[in-house]
Protein backbone atom coordinates (compact mmCIF):
# COMPACT_ATOMS: atom_id res chain seq x y z
CA MET A 1 36.97 -27.12 -31.34
CA THR A 2 33.60 -25.53 -31.09
CA ALA A 3 32.05 -23.56 -33.99
CA ILE A 4 30.47 -20.10 -33.65
CA ARG A 5 26.80 -20.21 -34.33
CA ILE A 6 24.83 -17.46 -35.59
CA GLU A 7 21.02 -17.37 -35.27
CA THR A 8 18.26 -14.90 -36.03
CA LEU A 9 15.68 -14.55 -33.29
CA GLU A 10 11.90 -14.02 -33.99
CA ASN A 11 12.35 -10.27 -33.45
CA GLY A 12 15.04 -10.03 -36.07
CA LEU A 13 18.00 -9.84 -33.71
CA ARG A 14 21.04 -11.69 -34.96
CA VAL A 15 22.90 -13.44 -32.20
CA ALA A 16 26.30 -15.02 -32.49
CA PHE A 17 27.49 -17.43 -29.79
CA GLU A 18 30.27 -19.90 -29.07
CA PRO A 19 29.49 -22.59 -26.50
CA ILE A 20 32.70 -23.76 -24.85
CA ALA A 21 32.45 -26.98 -22.87
CA GLY A 22 33.58 -26.71 -19.32
CA MET A 23 33.16 -22.99 -19.05
CA ALA A 24 31.26 -21.74 -16.11
CA THR A 25 30.92 -18.12 -17.33
CA ALA A 26 29.12 -16.37 -20.06
CA SER A 27 30.02 -13.15 -21.67
CA LEU A 28 28.00 -10.88 -23.84
CA CYS A 29 28.86 -7.95 -26.06
CA TRP A 30 26.23 -5.70 -27.65
CA LEU A 31 27.04 -3.10 -30.28
CA VAL A 32 24.44 -0.31 -29.88
CA PRO A 33 24.55 1.99 -32.95
CA VAL A 34 25.18 5.20 -30.99
CA GLY A 35 28.86 6.43 -31.62
CA THR A 36 30.95 9.33 -31.16
CA ALA A 37 30.96 10.05 -34.84
CA GLY A 38 27.30 11.24 -34.46
CA ASP A 39 28.27 13.71 -31.52
CA PRO A 40 27.51 17.37 -32.49
CA ALA A 41 30.43 19.36 -33.50
CA GLY A 42 31.78 21.95 -30.90
CA ALA A 43 32.22 22.24 -27.21
CA ALA A 44 28.59 21.52 -26.47
CA GLY A 45 28.57 18.16 -28.23
CA GLU A 46 31.87 16.46 -28.41
CA GLY A 47 32.17 13.81 -25.90
CA GLU A 48 28.34 13.35 -25.75
CA THR A 49 28.44 9.74 -26.39
CA THR A 50 31.22 9.13 -24.07
CA LEU A 51 29.25 10.62 -21.08
CA LEU A 52 26.27 8.82 -22.25
CA SER A 53 28.09 5.45 -22.23
CA GLU A 54 28.91 6.02 -18.52
CA LEU A 55 25.52 7.47 -17.50
CA ILE A 56 23.60 4.35 -18.73
CA LEU A 57 25.26 2.33 -16.12
CA ARG A 58 23.82 4.54 -13.31
CA GLY A 59 20.50 3.24 -13.13
CA ALA A 60 18.07 1.77 -15.58
CA GLY A 61 14.51 0.78 -15.79
CA ASP A 62 12.84 0.92 -12.38
CA ARG A 63 16.14 0.72 -10.63
CA ASP A 64 18.15 3.98 -9.33
CA SER A 65 21.87 3.79 -9.55
CA ARG A 66 22.23 2.21 -6.17
CA THR A 67 19.64 -0.44 -6.71
CA PHE A 68 20.96 -1.22 -10.27
CA ILE A 69 24.65 -1.71 -9.08
CA ALA A 70 23.36 -3.82 -6.01
CA ALA A 71 21.30 -6.06 -8.27
CA LEU A 72 24.08 -6.85 -10.77
CA TYR A 73 26.62 -7.19 -7.89
CA ALA A 74 24.45 -9.72 -6.24
CA LEU A 75 24.17 -11.68 -9.51
CA GLY A 76 28.00 -11.61 -9.98
CA CYS A 77 27.61 -9.64 -13.23
CA ASP A 78 30.58 -7.56 -14.13
CA ARG A 79 29.63 -4.91 -16.79
CA ARG A 80 31.31 -2.23 -18.78
CA THR A 81 30.55 0.33 -21.60
CA THR A 82 32.80 2.01 -24.10
CA ALA A 83 32.05 4.55 -26.84
CA ASN A 84 33.73 4.13 -30.25
CA PRO A 85 33.14 6.05 -33.33
CA PHE A 86 30.21 4.05 -34.50
CA HIS A 87 28.91 2.18 -31.55
CA THR A 88 28.49 2.21 -27.80
CA ILE A 89 29.67 -1.30 -26.51
CA VAL A 90 27.97 -2.88 -23.61
CA THR A 91 29.80 -5.90 -22.40
CA ALA A 92 29.00 -8.16 -19.33
CA THR A 93 30.40 -11.34 -17.86
CA MET A 94 28.47 -13.56 -15.40
CA MET A 95 28.16 -17.00 -14.23
CA GLY A 96 26.53 -19.26 -17.01
CA ASN A 97 23.62 -20.20 -14.78
CA ARG A 98 22.83 -16.56 -14.12
CA VAL A 99 22.34 -15.28 -17.75
CA ALA A 100 18.60 -15.17 -17.62
CA GLU A 101 18.68 -13.23 -14.41
CA CYS A 102 21.27 -10.72 -15.62
CA LEU A 103 19.51 -10.03 -18.99
CA ALA A 104 16.63 -7.96 -17.48
CA PRO A 105 18.77 -5.23 -16.02
CA LEU A 106 21.28 -5.33 -18.89
CA CYS A 107 18.51 -4.97 -21.39
CA ASP A 108 17.23 -2.00 -19.35
CA VAL A 109 20.64 -0.25 -19.78
CA VAL A 110 20.11 -0.18 -23.51
CA LEU A 111 16.31 0.13 -23.64
CA ARG A 112 15.42 2.12 -20.45
CA PRO A 113 18.48 4.00 -19.15
CA ARG A 114 17.51 6.39 -16.35
CA LEU A 115 19.93 9.23 -17.21
CA ASP A 116 19.32 11.00 -13.93
CA ALA A 117 20.40 14.62 -13.89
CA GLU A 118 22.37 14.38 -10.60
CA HIS A 119 24.77 11.88 -12.12
CA LEU A 120 25.84 14.12 -15.20
CA GLU A 121 28.29 16.28 -13.08
CA PRO A 122 30.12 13.33 -11.56
CA VAL A 123 30.36 11.70 -15.09
CA GLN A 124 31.68 14.89 -16.51
CA ARG A 125 34.27 15.04 -13.78
CA LEU A 126 35.46 11.53 -14.43
CA ALA A 127 35.71 12.20 -18.16
CA GLN A 128 37.69 15.34 -17.42
CA GLN A 129 39.99 13.26 -15.10
CA ALA A 130 40.50 10.59 -17.95
CA LEU A 131 41.47 13.53 -20.29
CA GLU A 132 43.91 15.10 -17.95
CA GLY A 133 45.41 11.69 -17.36
CA LEU A 134 46.19 10.90 -20.89
CA SER A 135 49.64 12.66 -20.67
CA ASP A 136 50.62 10.00 -18.22
CA ASP A 137 49.50 7.16 -20.54
CA THR A 138 51.71 7.78 -23.64
CA LEU A 139 50.50 4.58 -25.40
CA ARG A 140 46.83 5.41 -25.01
CA LEU A 141 47.62 8.98 -26.18
CA VAL A 142 49.45 7.68 -29.35
CA MET A 143 46.57 5.40 -30.07
CA LEU A 144 43.98 8.27 -29.78
């Protein structure tokens, strides 16, 4: 059995990790302190963080959406974001020998998202479709 290790980096970031012998993949989960509880009240603000969590995966740093997706795809990096009341959660899974290469674009997601205006409408449509589909997913609807 392996033990979870917690270390504090020089910049103050606390990192928890669990090395598992024989695993060829690595996964990461970042909790970014931006959650839906901080969304402004009313129609203009509710859902703001949910939209943001999708927008940040549509280009980051110097990479537009297409270049960003192609770069992570070429590295075999699967990524997702989720908004909850207190955090935006960024998760990624990649080959263990590709962690260093994947970190730069993933860090850009958090530190330098592009938030290009042309992606807002498609992201809004996706969110609206998800809301409309809730009636077909009673388990999720009950959980919400």
